[in-house]
Amino acid sequence: MTNNIYLLKWIREMEELVTPEKVIWINGSEIQLENLRQTACRSGDLVKLNQEKLPGCYLHRTNPNDAARVESSTFICTKSKEEAGPTNNWMQPKEAYKISYDLAKGSYKGKVMYVIPYMMGPVGSRFSKIGVEITDSVTVVLNMAIMTRTGQKVLDALGDSNDWVRGLHCSCNLDPEKRYVFHFPEDNTIISLNSNYEGNALLGKKCLALRLASYKGEKENWMAEHMLILGVQKPDGEIIYICAAFPSACGKTNLAMLIPPEMYKEKGYKVWCVGDDIAWLRKGKDGRLWAVNPENGFFGVASGTSEKSNPNAMQVTKKNTIFTNVVQNLDDNTVWWEGMDKNPPSHALDWKANPWDGKTSKQNGAHPNSRFTSPAKNCPSLSEKFDDPDGVPISAIIFGGRRAQTTPLVYESFDWNHGVFVGSVMSSETTAAATGKIGIVRHDPMAMLPFCGYNMSKYFQHWLDMGKFIGNKAPKIFNVNWFRTDDNGNFLWPGFSDNLRVLEWIINRCEDKTSANKTPIGYVPFASDINIQGLDISNSQLDSLLTVDNDLWKKEVQNIESFYEKFGDELPAELKNELSKLKERLQY
């Protein structure tokens, strides 16, 4: 399949380390993938679902101790701790390699070693990066075949180059005490051990596409961000592209696959999904910031997804999907999860394969982090620019979080540096269901806290430097908050499809078609400029949604100061200056 001497040498070294029974290279053909699906079904790794109702769909169950990302055991392995920074777990590369090779040694005995050449980003794009993952898990192969471009076309694109990411995944014995995900950004290497959960084992996703890519982007003058990409098509046919970053539980996938409200549909508005999770951004020939989605599929959270919350996502899962840790309905061999509908099956198996009656059981049937892996081409609103090697031009960047009182529905930053400040202090409040306490503020800068592959102070500086690099063609930066509540804890904004009303104001601001109220935190809409036609929202509720309470923001400043302390003297001076200016504006 290849004559690349660097790749072949590494493959031989890994084969000697893990000692498999045989080696299979993944060529990307449907014939090979179908054989692997049958292999997985025979071994019990996959369960074939009802092919009439869910054609090409399968169920995968992970070990019960292996159903989520392992942030505490995820490490950035650089020569100096300073390079990893205060927000990452760090380990010396020499120590991490020793742990890895001790655990990996002989772990493929009696198994197949699968070699997966894959590409993040469209084939032929200057954005794209190539990786090769070695794994002993057939389900990892099948998931990677959905989430990335795989096979011979990748090797052809690689040619004789040594510019590719080495990835070793070993299931070992799934020991949670020895579960690690190691990133070696200086060596272009990722090693994952003792986990078959896709979030830890699909090395092209968070590992390459964010942690290693963010490190590469800082060195190569581009950006890898935990952002959706969508296009809003206006009635005149023009499409405005937006990137948006949100922490978990803030509606990221719902926004990426938004369906316009009826009144907007009638006017001719459409929303196109370019990506729901990751954006790679570069300066284009025209000086603007352009973005691609490096992934080829969706790895979405199943629980809570429904025809009401995200009908496009439900359509995505209807064919050629691998479901992980959901309920298996034994009556018709389909799947179910909490939040899908109000009619749980009574004759079923839960995510651990135990008998489960959804009518009477007090326990959830699906894992809260249950997932679906689906081809992007399944999405009814997929943009025609999805595979465009040049990507799409970005007019606006949105940050957002879940805040009950402090943050208004939407506001625009004063300029790029102020927008970077807004992103750097992104935060969400916890809910009672999650922590037992309401309103605990957790900071997640640019939604990248778990995914930044180097010192976050340098990451902030890179954002500031990119603003200078792009200059006056930089996108405008906004903050949104769909979760503002009244005094009784009721949400003031309907959210979901009606979030397009806020995007409309954002687009108008990008095109200088509407004015705004200058407040201490940024430009806030005048109530008359948010379209609430057809909504059950009073003028007083809208005023409340757009209010900036100086006293609450003075408390917020204290929170920000406390958060910034962890970066010490490495925090960029520009962000310190933006905080000082905010304090002055709030005072006067």
Protein backbone atom coordinates (compact mmCIF):
# COMPACT_ATOMS: atom_id res chain seq x y z
CA MET A 1 0.00 0.00 0.00
CA THR A 2 2.96 2.35 0.56
CA ASN A 3 6.72 2.61 0.15
CA ASN A 4 7.06 5.36 2.76
CA ILE A 5 10.22 4.38 4.64
CA TYR A 6 9.31 6.33 7.77
CA LEU A 7 5.90 4.72 8.04
CA LEU A 8 7.11 1.20 7.28
CA LYS A 9 9.92 1.48 9.85
CA TRP A 10 7.48 2.61 12.54
CA ILE A 11 5.00 -0.16 11.69
CA ARG A 12 7.76 -2.75 12.08
CA GLU A 13 8.77 -1.28 15.45
CA MET A 14 5.19 -1.34 16.70
CA GLU A 15 4.67 -4.89 15.43
CA GLU A 16 7.75 -6.03 17.36
CA LEU A 17 6.39 -4.27 20.47
CA VAL A 18 2.80 -5.56 20.52
CA THR A 19 3.45 -8.94 18.77
CA PRO A 20 0.14 -9.48 16.90
CA GLU A 21 -0.95 -12.70 15.24
CA LYS A 22 -1.33 -10.85 11.93
CA VAL A 23 -1.41 -7.33 10.46
CA ILE A 24 -4.24 -5.87 8.37
CA TRP A 25 -3.93 -2.52 6.58
CA ILE A 26 -7.19 -0.60 6.22
CA ASN A 27 -7.65 0.34 2.56
CA GLY A 28 -10.99 2.14 2.98
CA SER A 29 -12.97 -0.20 0.72
CA GLU A 30 -16.56 -1.09 1.54
CA ILE A 31 -15.80 -4.79 1.00
CA GLN A 32 -13.12 -4.74 3.68
CA LEU A 33 -15.29 -2.74 6.10
CA GLU A 34 -18.23 -5.10 5.65
CA ASN A 35 -15.96 -8.07 6.43
CA LEU A 36 -14.85 -6.26 9.60
CA ARG A 37 -18.46 -5.61 10.64
CA GLN A 38 -19.18 -9.32 10.31
CA THR A 39 -16.04 -10.09 12.33
CA ALA A 40 -17.18 -7.69 15.07
CA CYS A 41 -20.63 -9.27 15.18
CA ARG A 42 -19.19 -12.77 15.48
CA SER A 43 -16.96 -11.68 18.38
CA GLY A 44 -19.78 -9.82 20.14
CA ASP A 45 -18.11 -6.42 19.78
CA LEU A 46 -21.08 -5.27 17.69
CA VAL A 47 -24.75 -6.23 17.60
CA LYS A 48 -26.44 -5.95 14.21
CA LEU A 49 -29.66 -3.97 14.51
CA ASN A 50 -32.92 -4.11 12.55
CA GLN A 51 -31.71 -3.54 8.98
CA GLU A 52 -35.14 -2.51 7.71
CA LYS A 53 -35.64 0.23 10.29
CA LEU A 54 -31.95 1.09 10.83
CA PRO A 55 -30.04 0.03 7.70
CA GLY A 56 -26.30 -0.33 8.23
CA CYS A 57 -26.64 0.33 11.99
CA TYR A 58 -24.96 -1.52 14.86
CA LEU A 59 -24.86 -1.40 18.66
CA HIS A 60 -21.61 -1.31 20.60
CA ARG A 61 -21.30 -1.73 24.38
CA THR A 62 -18.15 -0.66 26.18
CA ASN A 63 -16.90 -2.13 29.44
CA PRO A 64 -18.95 -0.48 32.23
CA ASN A 65 -15.76 1.04 33.65
CA ASP A 66 -14.89 2.53 30.26
CA ALA A 67 -17.68 4.83 29.11
CA ALA A 68 -16.24 8.36 29.12
CA ARG A 69 -13.10 10.43 28.52
CA VAL A 70 -10.40 10.13 31.18
CA GLU A 71 -9.31 13.73 31.74
CA SER A 72 -7.41 12.87 34.92
CA SER A 73 -5.27 10.37 32.99
CA THR A 74 -4.80 12.47 29.86
CA PHE A 75 -1.30 13.92 29.64
CA ILE A 76 0.66 16.39 27.56
CA CYS A 77 4.20 15.01 27.42
CA THR A 78 6.71 17.75 26.65
CA LYS A 79 10.30 18.31 27.70
CA SER A 80 9.32 21.12 30.05
CA LYS A 81 6.27 21.42 32.28
CA GLU A 82 5.95 25.06 31.25
CA GLU A 83 5.17 23.99 27.69
CA ALA A 84 2.13 22.03 28.94
CA GLY A 85 1.02 24.88 31.20
CA PRO A 86 -1.05 25.03 34.39
CA THR A 87 -4.29 23.62 32.95
CA ASN A 88 -2.90 20.32 31.60
CA ASN A 89 -1.64 17.16 33.25
CA TRP A 90 2.07 16.87 32.37
CA MET A 91 4.56 14.03 32.28
CA GLN A 92 8.14 13.76 31.06
CA PRO A 93 8.16 12.05 27.62
CA LYS A 94 10.74 9.49 28.76
CA GLU A 95 8.53 8.40 31.67
CA ALA A 96 5.36 8.32 29.53
CA TYR A 97 7.04 6.23 26.83
CA LYS A 98 8.26 3.74 29.45
CA ILE A 99 4.77 3.36 30.94
CA SER A 100 3.31 3.02 27.44
CA TYR A 101 5.72 0.44 26.14
CA ASP A 102 5.61 -1.62 29.33
CA LEU A 103 1.81 -1.85 29.03
CA ALA A 104 1.79 -2.29 25.25
CA LYS A 105 4.46 -5.00 25.14
CA GLY A 106 2.91 -8.22 23.86
CA SER A 107 -0.62 -6.89 24.34
CA TYR A 108 -1.71 -7.89 20.80
CA LYS A 109 -0.79 -11.54 21.29
CA GLY A 110 -3.37 -13.65 19.45
CA LYS A 111 -4.97 -10.50 18.03
CA VAL A 112 -5.01 -8.62 14.75
CA MET A 113 -3.01 -5.41 14.42
CA TYR A 114 -5.05 -3.00 12.30
CA VAL A 115 -3.18 -0.18 10.57
CA ILE A 116 -5.46 2.79 9.81
CA PRO A 117 -4.10 5.54 7.53
CA TYR A 118 -6.45 8.48 8.00
CA MET A 119 -6.77 12.12 7.09
CA MET A 120 -8.30 14.93 9.12
CA GLY A 121 -9.78 17.42 6.68
CA PRO A 122 -10.71 17.12 2.99
CA VAL A 123 -8.30 15.27 0.73
CA GLY A 124 -6.22 17.81 -1.18
CA SER A 125 -6.75 20.65 1.28
CA ARG A 126 -3.90 22.74 2.66
CA PHE A 127 -5.73 22.53 5.99
CA SER A 128 -5.52 18.73 6.23
CA LYS A 129 -3.27 16.56 8.39
CA ILE A 130 -2.49 12.85 8.09
CA GLY A 131 -2.30 10.29 10.88
CA VAL A 132 -1.80 6.53 11.15
CA GLU A 133 -3.46 4.71 14.03
CA ILE A 134 -2.56 1.17 15.07
CA THR A 135 -5.28 -0.60 17.05
CA ASP A 136 -6.35 -4.05 18.18
CA SER A 137 -10.03 -3.04 18.26
CA VAL A 138 -12.22 -3.70 15.24
CA THR A 139 -14.82 -1.23 16.58
CA VAL A 140 -12.16 1.49 16.62
CA VAL A 141 -11.46 0.73 12.96
CA LEU A 142 -15.14 0.97 12.06
CA ASN A 143 -15.63 4.19 14.00
CA MET A 144 -12.51 5.75 12.45
CA ALA A 145 -13.84 4.79 9.01
CA ILE A 146 -16.90 6.94 9.76
CA MET A 147 -15.16 9.85 11.49
CA THR A 148 -12.18 10.30 9.13
CA ARG A 149 -11.11 9.84 5.52
CA THR A 150 -9.25 6.51 5.51
CA GLY A 151 -7.35 4.15 3.26
CA GLN A 152 -5.24 4.18 0.14
CA LYS A 153 -6.10 7.75 -0.87
CA VAL A 154 -4.50 8.92 2.39
CA LEU A 155 -1.29 6.98 1.74
CA ASP A 156 -1.21 8.38 -1.79
CA ALA A 157 -1.49 11.90 -0.38
CA LEU A 158 1.24 11.18 2.20
CA GLY A 159 3.71 9.94 -0.39
CA ASP A 160 7.27 9.86 0.97
CA SER A 161 6.69 12.55 3.62
CA ASN A 162 7.48 12.11 7.31
CA ASP A 163 4.86 14.71 8.27
CA TRP A 164 2.23 12.46 9.87
CA VAL A 165 0.97 11.68 13.37
CA ARG A 166 1.84 8.30 14.90
CA GLY A 167 -0.96 6.79 16.96
CA LEU A 168 -0.85 3.60 19.04
CA HIS A 169 -3.99 2.28 20.70
CA CYS A 170 -3.84 -0.81 22.93
CA SER A 171 -6.94 -2.23 24.62
CA CYS A 172 -4.72 -4.22 27.03
CA ASN A 173 -7.09 -5.55 29.73
CA LEU A 174 -9.13 -2.31 30.11
CA ASP A 175 -7.68 -1.74 33.58
CA PRO A 176 -9.00 1.68 34.71
CA GLU A 177 -6.04 2.08 37.07
CA LYS A 178 -3.67 1.90 34.11
CA ARG A 179 -5.74 3.87 31.61
CA TYR A 180 -3.79 6.63 29.90
CA VAL A 181 -3.98 8.93 26.91
CA PHE A 182 -0.51 10.37 26.23
CA HIS A 183 0.17 13.18 23.77
CA PHE A 184 3.73 13.87 22.59
CA PRO A 185 3.31 17.06 20.52
CA GLU A 186 7.07 17.44 19.98
CA ASP A 187 7.17 13.91 18.51
CA ASN A 188 3.89 13.93 16.52
CA THR A 189 2.76 10.93 18.60
CA ILE A 190 -0.33 9.80 20.54
CA ILE A 191 -0.62 6.66 22.69
CA SER A 192 -3.89 5.42 24.24
CA LEU A 193 -3.94 2.49 26.67
CA ASN A 194 -6.59 0.41 28.46
CA SER A 195 -9.67 2.08 26.95
CA ASN A 196 -11.96 1.18 24.06
CA TYR A 197 -14.37 4.08 24.62
CA GLU A 198 -14.31 6.06 21.39
CA GLY A 199 -13.50 9.37 23.05
CA ASN A 200 -10.20 7.87 24.25
CA ALA A 201 -9.52 5.46 21.40
CA LEU A 202 -10.35 7.39 18.21
CA LEU A 203 -7.01 9.17 18.04
CA GLY A 204 -7.99 11.41 15.14
CA LYS A 205 -10.65 13.20 17.15
CA LYS A 206 -9.81 15.20 20.28
CA CYS A 207 -6.22 13.88 20.36
CA LEU A 208 -5.06 14.93 16.90
CA ALA A 209 -7.77 17.36 15.80
CA LEU A 210 -7.53 19.50 18.94
CA ARG A 211 -4.65 18.72 21.31
CA LEU A 212 -1.91 18.11 18.75
CA ALA A 213 -3.48 20.41 16.16
CA SER A 214 -3.69 23.35 18.58
CA TYR A 215 0.03 22.88 19.27
CA LYS A 216 0.76 22.69 15.54
CA GLY A 217 -1.44 25.70 14.83
CA GLU A 218 0.52 27.88 17.24
CA LYS A 219 3.76 26.90 15.49
CA GLU A 220 2.35 27.19 11.95
CA ASN A 221 0.14 30.28 12.31
CA TRP A 222 -3.33 28.70 12.19
CA MET A 223 -5.96 27.69 14.77
CA ALA A 224 -7.55 24.42 15.89
CA GLU A 225 -10.72 25.13 17.86
CA HIS A 226 -13.52 23.27 19.64
CA MET A 227 -16.11 24.99 17.46
CA LEU A 228 -19.09 24.22 15.27
CA ILE A 229 -19.29 25.77 11.79
CA LEU A 230 -22.63 26.76 10.29
CA GLY A 231 -23.85 28.85 7.39
CA VAL A 232 -26.97 31.03 7.53
CA GLN A 233 -28.46 31.49 4.08
CA LYS A 234 -30.40 34.74 3.81
CA PRO A 235 -33.46 35.24 1.61
CA ASP A 236 -31.25 36.80 -1.11
CA GLY A 237 -29.21 33.57 -1.25
CA GLU A 238 -26.03 34.90 0.40
CA ILE A 239 -24.58 32.57 3.04
CA ILE A 240 -22.88 33.97 6.13
CA TYR A 241 -20.60 31.50 7.96
CA ILE A 242 -20.19 31.46 11.72
CA CYS A 243 -18.01 29.51 14.17
CA ALA A 244 -19.22 28.96 17.74
CA ALA A 245 -17.67 27.47 20.88
CA PHE A 246 -19.69 26.22 23.86
CA PRO A 247 -18.86 24.09 26.92
CA SER A 248 -20.80 20.84 27.28
CA ALA A 249 -24.58 20.99 27.86
CA CYS A 250 -24.92 24.36 26.12
CA GLY A 251 -26.57 23.31 22.85
CA LYS A 252 -23.62 23.10 20.47
CA THR A 253 -24.87 20.29 18.22
CA ASN A 254 -28.42 21.68 18.31
CA LEU A 255 -27.15 25.01 16.98
CA ALA A 256 -24.97 23.34 14.33
CA MET A 257 -28.02 21.50 12.95
CA LEU A 258 -30.59 24.26 13.59
CA ILE A 259 -33.81 24.27 11.56
CA PRO A 260 -35.22 27.80 11.08
CA PRO A 261 -38.59 28.69 12.65
CA GLU A 262 -41.50 28.62 10.22
CA MET A 263 -41.65 32.38 9.76
CA TYR A 264 -37.96 32.40 8.79
CA LYS A 265 -38.43 29.43 6.46
CA GLU A 266 -41.22 31.31 4.71
CA LYS A 267 -38.89 34.26 4.18
CA GLY A 268 -36.31 31.97 2.60
CA TYR A 269 -33.82 31.47 5.44
CA LYS A 270 -31.85 28.21 5.57
CA VAL A 271 -29.13 26.96 7.93
CA TRP A 272 -26.33 24.72 6.67
CA CYS A 273 -24.13 22.54 8.87
CA VAL A 274 -20.43 22.45 8.02
CA GLY A 275 -19.40 20.86 11.33
CA ASP A 276 -20.70 20.30 14.86
CA ASP A 277 -17.53 20.01 16.94
CA ILE A 278 -14.15 21.06 15.54
CA ALA A 279 -12.94 23.87 13.29
CA TRP A 280 -9.51 24.43 11.78
CA LEU A 281 -9.02 28.06 10.77
CA ARG A 282 -6.43 29.69 8.48
CA LYS A 283 -5.95 33.05 6.85
CA GLY A 284 -7.14 32.84 3.26
CA LYS A 285 -5.80 34.46 0.11
CA ASP A 286 -8.34 37.25 0.53
CA GLY A 287 -7.07 38.03 4.04
CA ARG A 288 -10.14 36.67 5.79
CA LEU A 289 -10.25 33.77 8.25
CA TRP A 290 -11.40 30.53 6.59
CA ALA A 291 -12.47 27.32 8.33
CA VAL A 292 -12.82 23.61 7.58
CA ASN A 293 -14.31 20.80 9.60
CA PRO A 294 -11.51 18.21 9.86
CA GLU A 295 -13.94 15.39 10.66
CA ASN A 296 -15.94 13.21 8.28
CA GLY A 297 -18.72 12.25 10.71
CA PHE A 298 -20.55 13.09 13.91
CA PHE A 299 -19.73 11.62 17.31
CA GLY A 300 -22.78 12.90 19.14
CA VAL A 301 -24.29 12.45 22.57
CA ALA A 302 -27.40 10.34 22.16
CA SER A 303 -29.05 11.00 25.54
CA GLY A 304 -31.40 13.97 25.29
CA THR A 305 -31.41 13.99 21.48
CA SER A 306 -34.96 13.89 20.13
CA GLU A 307 -37.17 14.97 17.27
CA LYS A 308 -38.01 18.05 19.33
CA SER A 309 -34.49 19.05 20.39
CA ASN A 310 -32.66 18.15 17.16
CA PRO A 311 -34.62 16.52 14.32
CA ASN A 312 -31.63 16.73 11.96
CA ALA A 313 -29.48 14.76 14.42
CA MET A 314 -32.20 12.12 14.63
CA GLN A 315 -32.13 11.82 10.84
CA VAL A 316 -28.34 11.49 10.98
CA THR A 317 -28.67 8.33 13.11
CA LYS A 318 -31.13 6.52 10.82
CA LYS A 319 -28.51 4.66 8.76
CA ASN A 320 -24.87 3.49 8.79
CA THR A 321 -24.50 4.45 12.46
CA ILE A 322 -22.71 2.81 15.38
CA PHE A 323 -24.61 3.40 18.64
CA THR A 324 -22.62 3.12 21.85
CA ASN A 325 -24.10 2.31 25.29
CA VAL A 326 -27.77 2.87 24.44
CA VAL A 327 -30.82 0.69 25.16
CA GLN A 328 -31.53 -2.22 22.83
CA ASN A 329 -35.25 -2.66 22.22
CA LEU A 330 -35.69 -6.42 21.92
CA ASP A 331 -39.19 -6.18 20.45
CA ASP A 332 -37.94 -4.80 17.14
CA ASN A 333 -34.14 -4.79 17.61
CA THR A 334 -33.85 -1.00 17.51
CA VAL A 335 -32.38 1.48 20.01
CA TRP A 336 -33.68 3.92 22.60
CA TRP A 337 -32.24 6.40 25.10
CA GLU A 338 -33.50 8.79 27.75
CA GLY A 339 -34.89 11.91 26.15
CA MET A 340 -35.61 10.30 22.77
CA ASP A 341 -39.33 10.13 23.49
CA LYS A 342 -41.73 9.34 26.32
CA ASN A 343 -42.29 5.75 25.28
CA PRO A 344 -39.41 3.63 26.61
CA PRO A 345 -39.44 -0.06 25.68
CA SER A 346 -40.44 -2.56 28.34
CA HIS A 347 -38.75 -5.57 26.74
CA ALA A 348 -35.16 -4.39 26.40
CA LEU A 349 -31.51 -4.61 27.42
CA ASP A 350 -29.84 -1.66 29.11
CA TRP A 351 -26.41 -0.35 28.10
CA LYS A 352 -24.77 -3.07 30.22
CA ALA A 353 -26.81 -5.77 28.41
CA ASN A 354 -28.97 -6.43 31.50
CA PRO A 355 -32.75 -6.98 31.13
CA TRP A 356 -34.48 -3.61 31.42
CA ASP A 357 -38.11 -2.49 31.60
CA GLY A 358 -38.37 1.19 30.79
CA LYS A 359 -41.93 1.34 32.16
CA THR A 360 -40.97 0.31 35.68
CA SER A 361 -37.21 0.65 36.14
CA LYS A 362 -35.92 3.50 38.28
CA GLN A 363 -32.50 3.24 36.61
CA ASN A 364 -31.61 4.83 33.30
CA GLY A 365 -31.35 2.37 30.46
CA ALA A 366 -28.75 4.29 28.42
CA HIS A 367 -25.51 5.67 29.79
CA PRO A 368 -25.67 9.48 30.22
CA ASN A 369 -22.72 9.66 27.81
CA SER A 370 -24.24 7.27 25.27
CA ARG A 371 -23.15 8.10 21.73
CA PHE A 372 -23.81 7.77 18.03
CA THR A 373 -21.13 7.73 15.33
CA SER A 374 -22.68 8.69 12.00
CA PRO A 375 -21.44 9.78 8.56
CA ALA A 376 -21.70 13.53 8.01
CA LYS A 377 -23.36 12.90 4.66
CA ASN A 378 -26.42 11.64 6.58
CA CYS A 379 -27.21 15.18 7.76
CA PRO A 380 -30.15 16.72 5.83
CA SER A 381 -28.69 20.21 6.32
CA LEU A 382 -25.08 19.36 5.42
CA SER A 383 -23.43 22.24 3.60
CA GLU A 384 -22.34 21.78 0.00
CA LYS A 385 -19.04 23.31 1.22
CA PHE A 386 -18.44 20.40 3.63
CA ASP A 387 -15.73 18.85 1.43
CA ASP A 388 -14.45 22.10 -0.04
CA PRO A 389 -10.64 22.09 0.35
CA ASP A 390 -10.66 25.88 0.78
CA GLY A 391 -13.22 25.80 3.59
CA VAL A 392 -15.64 28.67 4.24
CA PRO A 393 -15.02 32.34 5.15
CA ILE A 394 -15.91 33.18 8.74
CA SER A 395 -17.77 36.43 9.48
CA ALA A 396 -18.47 35.90 13.20
CA ILE A 397 -17.12 33.90 16.13
CA ILE A 398 -19.49 33.15 19.00
CA PHE A 399 -18.64 32.13 22.54
CA GLY A 400 -21.32 31.01 24.97
CA GLY A 401 -22.09 29.48 28.33
CA ARG A 402 -24.87 28.67 30.74
CA ARG A 403 -25.42 31.66 33.07
CA ALA A 404 -28.67 32.26 34.97
CA GLN A 405 -28.36 35.98 35.64
CA THR A 406 -25.07 37.69 34.83
CA THR A 407 -24.71 37.42 31.04
CA PRO A 408 -27.27 38.91 28.61
CA LEU A 409 -28.78 37.00 25.71
CA VAL A 410 -26.13 38.30 23.34
CA TYR A 411 -23.44 40.94 23.18
CA GLU A 412 -20.67 41.92 20.78
CA SER A 413 -17.08 42.58 21.83
CA PHE A 414 -15.62 46.03 21.24
CA ASP A 415 -12.76 44.67 19.10
CA TRP A 416 -10.65 41.54 18.54
CA ASN A 417 -8.58 41.81 21.73
CA HIS A 418 -11.70 42.37 23.80
CA GLY A 419 -13.26 39.36 22.05
CA VAL A 420 -10.27 37.21 23.02
CA PHE A 421 -10.78 38.39 26.60
CA VAL A 422 -14.46 37.40 26.40
CA GLY A 423 -13.49 33.94 25.15
CA SER A 424 -10.75 33.53 27.75
CA VAL A 425 -13.22 34.01 30.62
CA MET A 426 -15.98 31.81 29.18
CA SER A 427 -17.84 30.07 31.97
CA SER A 428 -20.92 28.05 32.81
CA GLU A 429 -22.85 27.51 36.02
CA THR A 430 -23.40 24.00 37.26
CA THR A 431 -26.87 22.59 37.81
CA ALA A 432 -28.27 20.72 40.79
CA ALA A 433 -28.49 17.54 38.75
CA ALA A 434 -24.77 17.66 38.07
CA THR A 435 -23.27 18.72 41.37
CA GLY A 436 -25.93 19.16 44.04
CA LYS A 437 -25.16 22.88 44.03
CA ILE A 438 -26.57 25.51 41.72
CA GLY A 439 -24.59 28.39 40.31
CA ILE A 440 -21.01 27.19 40.78
CA VAL A 441 -19.06 28.95 38.03
CA ARG A 442 -16.67 26.79 36.04
CA HIS A 443 -14.36 28.47 33.55
CA ASP A 444 -13.70 26.85 30.19
CA PRO A 445 -11.75 29.27 27.96
CA MET A 446 -12.93 29.06 24.36
CA ALA A 447 -14.41 25.64 25.40
CA MET A 448 -10.82 24.37 25.05
CA LEU A 449 -9.82 23.71 28.66
CA PRO A 450 -9.69 19.88 28.26
CA PHE A 451 -8.36 20.06 24.70
CA CYS A 452 -5.61 22.67 24.49
CA GLY A 453 -2.39 20.80 23.75
CA TYR A 454 0.03 23.34 25.20
CA ASN A 455 0.33 26.20 27.68
CA MET A 456 -2.99 28.03 27.68
CA SER A 457 -1.29 31.38 28.30
CA LYS A 458 0.52 30.87 24.99
CA TYR A 459 -2.80 29.80 23.48
CA PHE A 460 -4.34 33.14 24.53
CA GLN A 461 -1.34 34.95 23.05
CA HIS A 462 -1.77 33.01 19.81
CA TRP A 463 -5.35 34.26 19.57
CA LEU A 464 -4.13 37.82 20.09
CA ASP A 465 -1.41 37.37 17.48
CA MET A 466 -3.90 35.94 14.97
CA GLY A 467 -5.92 39.13 15.34
CA LYS A 468 -2.88 41.16 14.28
CA PHE A 469 -2.18 38.69 11.45
CA ILE A 470 -5.71 39.01 10.03
CA GLY A 471 -6.06 42.72 10.78
CA ASN A 472 -9.22 44.58 9.79
CA LYS A 473 -10.68 41.49 8.08
CA ALA A 474 -10.94 39.58 11.36
CA PRO A 475 -14.38 38.16 12.24
CA LYS A 476 -16.43 40.00 14.85
CA ILE A 477 -16.65 38.21 18.19
CA PHE A 478 -19.87 37.73 20.18
CA ASN A 479 -21.07 36.05 23.36
CA VAL A 480 -24.47 34.37 23.74
CA ASN A 481 -26.38 32.97 26.67
CA TRP A 482 -29.52 30.96 25.89
CA PHE A 483 -29.99 30.14 29.59
CA ARG A 484 -30.93 33.39 31.33
CA THR A 485 -33.69 32.80 33.91
CA ASP A 486 -36.28 34.79 35.80
CA ASP A 487 -36.48 34.98 39.60
CA ASN A 488 -38.30 31.62 39.66
CA GLY A 489 -35.62 29.84 37.64
CA ASN A 490 -37.64 29.70 34.41
CA PHE A 491 -35.78 30.18 31.15
CA LEU A 492 -36.58 33.52 29.53
CA TRP A 493 -35.51 32.54 26.01
CA PRO A 494 -37.10 29.61 24.10
CA GLY A 495 -33.81 28.50 22.50
CA PHE A 496 -33.52 25.74 19.87
CA SER A 497 -34.69 26.96 16.43
CA ASP A 498 -35.48 30.43 17.80
CA ASN A 499 -31.77 31.00 18.35
CA LEU A 500 -31.76 31.98 14.67
CA ARG A 501 -33.34 35.25 15.81
CA VAL A 502 -30.13 36.02 17.70
CA LEU A 503 -27.97 34.90 14.76
CA GLU A 504 -29.94 37.35 12.61
CA TRP A 505 -28.89 40.23 14.89
CA ILE A 506 -25.29 38.98 14.84
CA ILE A 507 -25.28 38.91 11.03
CA ASN A 508 -26.80 42.39 10.89
CA ARG A 509 -24.00 43.63 13.17
CA CYS A 510 -21.40 42.00 10.92
CA GLU A 511 -22.90 43.83 7.97
CA ASP A 512 -23.30 47.14 9.88
CA LYS A 513 -27.05 47.04 9.33
CA THR A 514 -28.14 47.68 12.91
CA SER A 515 -27.04 49.76 15.87
CA ALA A 516 -26.40 48.59 19.43
CA ASN A 517 -26.35 49.81 23.00
CA LYS A 518 -22.81 50.33 24.31
CA THR A 519 -22.55 48.84 27.81
CA PRO A 520 -19.58 48.17 30.11
CA ILE A 521 -19.28 44.57 28.80
CA GLY A 522 -19.83 45.18 25.07
CA TYR A 523 -22.46 46.09 22.48
CA VAL A 524 -25.91 44.78 23.48
CA PRO A 525 -28.96 44.79 21.16
CA PHE A 526 -31.71 47.29 21.55
CA ALA A 527 -34.88 45.35 22.34
CA SER A 528 -36.50 46.55 19.13
CA ASP A 529 -33.73 44.86 17.08
CA ILE A 530 -34.43 41.32 18.30
CA ASN A 531 -37.28 39.79 16.33
CA ILE A 532 -39.74 38.23 18.81
CA GLN A 533 -42.69 38.03 16.43
CA GLY A 534 -44.68 34.90 17.22
CA LEU A 535 -42.91 34.27 20.55
CA ASP A 536 -44.61 34.27 23.93
CA ILE A 537 -42.18 36.83 25.30
CA SER A 538 -43.21 40.14 26.83
CA ASN A 539 -41.27 43.36 26.38
CA SER A 540 -40.29 43.24 30.04
CA GLN A 541 -38.89 39.72 29.60
CA LEU A 542 -36.89 40.84 26.59
CA ASP A 543 -35.58 43.82 28.54
CA SER A 544 -34.53 41.42 31.29
CA LEU A 545 -32.76 39.19 28.76
CA LEU A 546 -30.71 42.17 27.56
CA THR A 547 -30.00 43.82 30.91
CA VAL A 548 -26.41 44.26 32.09
CA ASP A 549 -26.35 44.43 35.89
CA ASN A 550 -23.22 46.32 36.97
CA ASP A 551 -23.28 44.89 40.48
CA LEU A 552 -23.38 41.32 39.20
CA TRP A 553 -20.55 42.09 36.81
CA LYS A 554 -18.44 43.56 39.60
CA LYS A 555 -18.75 40.16 41.30
CA GLU A 556 -17.91 38.55 37.99
CA VAL A 557 -14.71 40.56 37.84
CA GLN A 558 -13.65 39.05 41.15
CA ASN A 559 -14.34 35.61 39.71
CA ILE A 560 -12.27 36.40 36.62
CA GLU A 561 -9.38 37.72 38.72
CA SER A 562 -9.36 34.49 40.70
CA PHE A 563 -9.37 32.42 37.51
CA TYR A 564 -6.58 34.46 35.91
CA GLU A 565 -4.35 33.93 38.97
CA LYS A 566 -3.55 30.37 37.87
CA PHE A 567 -1.72 31.75 34.82
CA GLY A 568 0.46 34.06 36.89
CA ASP A 569 2.89 36.32 35.07
CA GLU A 570 2.47 34.34 31.84
CA LEU A 571 -1.02 35.77 31.25
CA PRO A 572 -0.75 38.09 28.22
CA ALA A 573 -0.62 41.79 29.10
CA GLU A 574 -3.44 42.49 26.65
CA LEU A 575 -5.85 40.36 28.71
CA LYS A 576 -4.78 42.02 31.95
CA ASN A 577 -5.43 45.35 30.24
CA GLU A 578 -8.90 44.25 29.06
CA LEU A 579 -9.79 43.23 32.62
CA SER A 580 -8.64 46.61 33.93
CA LYS A 581 -10.72 48.42 31.31
CA LEU A 582 -13.78 46.35 32.24
CA LYS A 583 -13.35 47.30 35.90
CA GLU A 584 -13.13 50.97 34.94
CA ARG A 585 -16.24 50.82 32.77
CA LEU A 586 -18.21 49.11 35.52
CA GLN A 587 -17.13 51.74 38.03
CA TYR A 588 -17.91 54.78 35.92
